[in-house]
Amino acid sequence: MATVKDAFLGFAAAQIMAPVVKRRVFGEEYLSANDYMVAYQGAYDTGVALGFVLRNQASEFVRLFCAPGHEHQLLDYLHTLVQSELVVLQ
């Protein structure tokens, strides 16, 4: 069964967060607020760039952000979401 870790989103999140997550000697992992904001900004910038580059290729964009084999479900969900927002705007 495919999971979010199989998708690009899981890979990208791990690559962005791995350098800033720290571990105490006898404790759990933690993340400082400053490191979080730096990682968040990097993730946001990456998402904006991908969205801009792939703005006319929804199927390719969806492939990056969902588990393999579930692309059609996500496209259907996004289509329904956009339709409901358009109804509210009218």
N, C-alpha and C. Protein backbone atom coordinates (compact mmCIF):
# COMPACT_ATOMS: atom_id res chain seq x y z
N MET A 1 0.84 -1.18 0.00
CA MET A 1 0.00 0.00 0.00
C MET A 1 0.88 1.24 0.00
N ALA A 2 0.55 2.20 -0.83
CA ALA A 2 1.34 3.42 -0.96
C ALA A 2 1.07 4.36 0.22
N THR A 3 2.10 5.02 0.67
CA THR A 3 1.96 5.99 1.76
C THR A 3 2.47 7.34 1.31
N VAL A 4 2.30 8.34 2.17
CA VAL A 4 2.78 9.67 1.82
C VAL A 4 4.29 9.70 1.70
N LYS A 5 4.98 8.78 2.37
CA LYS A 5 6.43 8.72 2.25
C LYS A 5 6.87 8.34 0.84
N ASP A 6 5.97 7.65 0.10
CA ASP A 6 6.28 7.27 -1.27
C ASP A 6 6.18 8.46 -2.22
N ALA A 7 5.46 9.48 -1.81
CA ALA A 7 5.27 10.65 -2.66
C ALA A 7 6.46 11.60 -2.52
N PHE A 8 6.56 12.50 -3.45
CA PHE A 8 7.61 13.50 -3.42
C PHE A 8 7.51 14.36 -2.17
N LEU A 9 6.29 14.62 -1.72
CA LEU A 9 6.08 15.48 -0.56
C LEU A 9 6.78 14.92 0.68
N GLY A 10 6.67 13.63 0.91
CA GLY A 10 7.35 13.01 2.04
C GLY A 10 8.86 13.11 1.92
N PHE A 11 9.36 12.90 0.72
CA PHE A 11 10.79 13.01 0.48
C PHE A 11 11.27 14.44 0.70
N ALA A 12 10.53 15.40 0.15
CA ALA A 12 10.92 16.81 0.27
C ALA A 12 10.89 17.26 1.72
N ALA A 13 9.87 16.85 2.45
CA ALA A 13 9.77 17.24 3.87
C ALA A 13 10.95 16.69 4.66
N ALA A 14 11.32 15.47 4.40
CA ALA A 14 12.46 14.87 5.10
C ALA A 14 13.75 15.59 4.76
N GLN A 15 13.92 15.98 3.51
CA GLN A 15 15.14 16.68 3.10
C GLN A 15 15.22 18.08 3.69
N ILE A 16 14.08 18.73 3.84
CA ILE A 16 14.07 20.08 4.39
C ILE A 16 14.25 20.07 5.90
N MET A 17 13.64 19.11 6.59
CA MET A 17 13.66 19.10 8.06
C MET A 17 14.88 18.41 8.65
N ALA A 18 15.46 17.46 7.95
CA ALA A 18 16.58 16.68 8.51
C ALA A 18 17.74 17.54 9.01
N PRO A 19 18.17 18.55 8.28
CA PRO A 19 19.31 19.33 8.78
C PRO A 19 19.01 20.18 10.01
N VAL A 20 17.76 20.51 10.29
CA VAL A 20 17.45 21.42 11.40
C VAL A 20 16.91 20.73 12.64
N VAL A 21 16.53 19.47 12.54
CA VAL A 21 16.02 18.74 13.71
C VAL A 21 17.21 18.32 14.57
N LYS A 22 17.10 18.61 15.86
CA LYS A 22 18.17 18.26 16.79
C LYS A 22 17.65 17.24 17.79
N ARG A 23 18.57 16.54 18.44
CA ARG A 23 18.19 15.52 19.43
C ARG A 23 18.96 15.78 20.72
N ARG A 24 18.21 15.77 21.82
CA ARG A 24 18.86 15.90 23.13
C ARG A 24 19.57 14.60 23.45
N VAL A 25 20.51 14.64 24.36
CA VAL A 25 21.28 13.45 24.72
C VAL A 25 20.36 12.36 25.25
N PHE A 26 19.47 12.70 26.17
CA PHE A 26 18.57 11.71 26.75
C PHE A 26 17.12 12.11 26.53
N GLY A 27 16.80 12.53 25.34
CA GLY A 27 15.44 12.99 25.10
C GLY A 27 15.02 12.81 23.66
N GLU A 28 13.93 13.46 23.37
CA GLU A 28 13.36 13.36 22.04
C GLU A 28 13.95 14.43 21.12
N GLU A 29 13.55 14.34 19.87
CA GLU A 29 13.98 15.33 18.90
C GLU A 29 13.26 16.65 19.19
N TYR A 30 13.92 17.74 18.84
CA TYR A 30 13.29 19.04 18.98
C TYR A 30 13.73 19.95 17.84
N LEU A 31 13.06 21.06 17.73
CA LEU A 31 13.32 21.99 16.66
C LEU A 31 13.16 23.40 17.22
N SER A 32 14.18 24.23 17.09
CA SER A 32 14.07 25.59 17.60
C SER A 32 13.16 26.41 16.69
N ALA A 33 12.57 27.46 17.25
CA ALA A 33 11.65 28.30 16.48
C ALA A 33 12.35 28.94 15.29
N ASN A 34 13.58 29.40 15.48
CA ASN A 34 14.32 30.02 14.39
C ASN A 34 14.59 29.02 13.26
N ASP A 35 15.02 27.82 13.62
CA ASP A 35 15.27 26.79 12.60
C ASP A 35 13.99 26.41 11.88
N TYR A 36 12.89 26.37 12.63
CA TYR A 36 11.60 26.05 12.02
C TYR A 36 11.23 27.09 10.96
N MET A 37 11.40 28.36 11.30
CA MET A 37 11.03 29.42 10.36
C MET A 37 11.90 29.38 9.10
N VAL A 38 13.16 29.07 9.25
CA VAL A 38 14.05 28.95 8.09
C VAL A 38 13.61 27.78 7.21
N ALA A 39 13.31 26.64 7.83
CA ALA A 39 12.85 25.46 7.07
C ALA A 39 11.50 25.73 6.42
N TYR A 40 10.60 26.41 7.14
CA TYR A 40 9.28 26.73 6.61
C TYR A 40 9.41 27.63 5.38
N GLN A 41 10.27 28.63 5.46
CA GLN A 41 10.47 29.53 4.32
C GLN A 41 11.01 28.77 3.11
N GLY A 42 11.94 27.85 3.34
CA GLY A 42 12.46 27.04 2.24
C GLY A 42 11.39 26.17 1.61
N ALA A 43 10.56 25.56 2.44
CA ALA A 43 9.48 24.72 1.92
C ALA A 43 8.46 25.55 1.15
N TYR A 44 8.14 26.73 1.67
CA TYR A 44 7.19 27.61 0.99
C TYR A 44 7.73 28.04 -0.37
N ASP A 45 8.98 28.46 -0.41
CA ASP A 45 9.59 28.89 -1.66
C ASP A 45 9.63 27.75 -2.68
N THR A 46 9.93 26.55 -2.21
CA THR A 46 9.94 25.39 -3.10
C THR A 46 8.55 25.13 -3.67
N GLY A 47 7.53 25.20 -2.81
CA GLY A 47 6.15 24.99 -3.27
C GLY A 47 5.70 26.04 -4.26
N VAL A 48 6.08 27.30 -4.02
CA VAL A 48 5.72 28.37 -4.95
C VAL A 48 6.38 28.15 -6.30
N ALA A 49 7.66 27.80 -6.28
CA ALA A 49 8.37 27.57 -7.54
C ALA A 49 7.77 26.40 -8.31
N LEU A 50 7.49 25.30 -7.62
CA LEU A 50 6.88 24.14 -8.29
C LEU A 50 5.50 24.49 -8.83
N GLY A 51 4.72 25.21 -8.03
CA GLY A 51 3.38 25.60 -8.48
C GLY A 51 3.44 26.49 -9.71
N PHE A 52 4.38 27.40 -9.75
CA PHE A 52 4.51 28.28 -10.91
C PHE A 52 4.95 27.52 -12.15
N VAL A 53 5.96 26.68 -12.00
CA VAL A 53 6.49 25.94 -13.14
C VAL A 53 5.46 24.96 -13.69
N LEU A 54 4.71 24.32 -12.80
CA LEU A 54 3.76 23.28 -13.22
C LEU A 54 2.32 23.77 -13.24
N ARG A 55 2.08 25.07 -13.32
CA ARG A 55 0.73 25.62 -13.21
C ARG A 55 -0.21 25.13 -14.31
N ASN A 56 0.30 24.80 -15.47
CA ASN A 56 -0.54 24.33 -16.57
C ASN A 56 -0.52 22.82 -16.72
N GLN A 57 0.13 22.14 -15.80
CA GLN A 57 0.25 20.68 -15.87
C GLN A 57 -0.21 20.08 -14.54
N ALA A 58 -1.51 20.16 -14.27
CA ALA A 58 -2.05 19.74 -12.98
C ALA A 58 -1.73 18.28 -12.67
N SER A 59 -1.78 17.42 -13.67
CA SER A 59 -1.52 16.00 -13.39
C SER A 59 -0.09 15.76 -12.93
N GLU A 60 0.87 16.49 -13.50
CA GLU A 60 2.27 16.35 -13.07
C GLU A 60 2.45 16.91 -11.66
N PHE A 61 1.81 18.02 -11.37
CA PHE A 61 1.89 18.63 -10.04
C PHE A 61 1.31 17.69 -8.99
N VAL A 62 0.18 17.07 -9.31
CA VAL A 62 -0.48 16.14 -8.38
C VAL A 62 0.39 14.92 -8.15
N ARG A 63 1.06 14.43 -9.19
CA ARG A 63 1.95 13.27 -9.03
C ARG A 63 3.03 13.51 -7.99
N LEU A 64 3.48 14.75 -7.86
CA LEU A 64 4.52 15.08 -6.90
C LEU A 64 4.01 15.03 -5.46
N PHE A 65 2.72 15.30 -5.26
CA PHE A 65 2.22 15.51 -3.92
C PHE A 65 1.23 14.46 -3.42
N CYS A 66 1.18 13.31 -4.05
CA CYS A 66 0.33 12.24 -3.50
C CYS A 66 1.01 10.89 -3.73
N ALA A 67 0.52 9.93 -2.99
CA ALA A 67 1.08 8.59 -3.08
C ALA A 67 0.80 8.00 -4.47
N PRO A 68 1.71 7.20 -5.00
CA PRO A 68 1.50 6.61 -6.32
C PRO A 68 0.20 5.81 -6.38
N GLY A 69 -0.53 6.00 -7.46
CA GLY A 69 -1.79 5.30 -7.65
C GLY A 69 -3.00 6.05 -7.13
N HIS A 70 -2.81 7.16 -6.45
CA HIS A 70 -3.92 7.92 -5.88
C HIS A 70 -4.07 9.29 -6.54
N GLU A 71 -3.44 9.48 -7.69
CA GLU A 71 -3.48 10.77 -8.36
C GLU A 71 -4.89 11.16 -8.76
N HIS A 72 -5.65 10.19 -9.28
CA HIS A 72 -7.01 10.47 -9.75
C HIS A 72 -7.91 10.93 -8.60
N GLN A 73 -7.75 10.33 -7.44
CA GLN A 73 -8.55 10.72 -6.27
C GLN A 73 -8.24 12.16 -5.87
N LEU A 74 -6.99 12.54 -5.89
CA LEU A 74 -6.61 13.90 -5.52
C LEU A 74 -7.11 14.90 -6.55
N LEU A 75 -7.01 14.57 -7.83
CA LEU A 75 -7.54 15.46 -8.86
C LEU A 75 -9.04 15.64 -8.71
N ASP A 76 -9.77 14.56 -8.43
CA ASP A 76 -11.22 14.66 -8.20
C ASP A 76 -11.52 15.54 -7.00
N TYR A 77 -10.75 15.38 -5.93
CA TYR A 77 -10.96 16.19 -4.74
C TYR A 77 -10.71 17.66 -5.04
N LEU A 78 -9.62 17.97 -5.73
CA LEU A 78 -9.30 19.35 -6.07
C LEU A 78 -10.36 19.95 -6.99
N HIS A 79 -10.86 19.16 -7.93
CA HIS A 79 -11.92 19.62 -8.83
C HIS A 79 -13.17 19.97 -8.04
N THR A 80 -13.57 19.11 -7.10
CA THR A 80 -14.74 19.36 -6.26
C THR A 80 -14.54 20.60 -5.40
N LEU A 81 -13.35 20.74 -4.84
CA LEU A 81 -13.04 21.89 -4.00
C LEU A 81 -13.12 23.20 -4.78
N VAL A 82 -12.58 23.21 -5.97
CA VAL A 82 -12.61 24.42 -6.81
C VAL A 82 -14.05 24.75 -7.20
N GLN A 83 -14.83 23.72 -7.55
CA GLN A 83 -16.23 23.97 -7.91
C GLN A 83 -17.00 24.57 -6.74
N SER A 84 -16.80 24.06 -5.55
CA SER A 84 -17.52 24.59 -4.38
C SER A 84 -17.10 26.04 -4.09
N GLU A 85 -15.83 26.36 -4.28
CA GLU A 85 -15.37 27.74 -4.08
C GLU A 85 -15.94 28.67 -5.14
N LEU A 86 -16.04 28.19 -6.37
CA LEU A 86 -16.62 29.02 -7.43
C LEU A 86 -18.09 29.30 -7.17
N VAL A 87 -18.81 28.33 -6.64
CA VAL A 87 -20.23 28.52 -6.31
C VAL A 87 -20.37 29.59 -5.23
N VAL A 88 -19.49 29.58 -4.25
CA VAL A 88 -19.53 30.58 -3.18
C VAL A 88 -19.24 31.97 -3.75
N LEU A 89 -18.37 32.09 -4.70
CA LEU A 89 -18.01 33.38 -5.26
C LEU A 89 -19.10 33.97 -6.17
N GLN A 90 -19.98 33.14 -6.70
CA GLN A 90 -21.01 33.64 -7.62
C GLN A 90 -22.16 34.27 -6.92
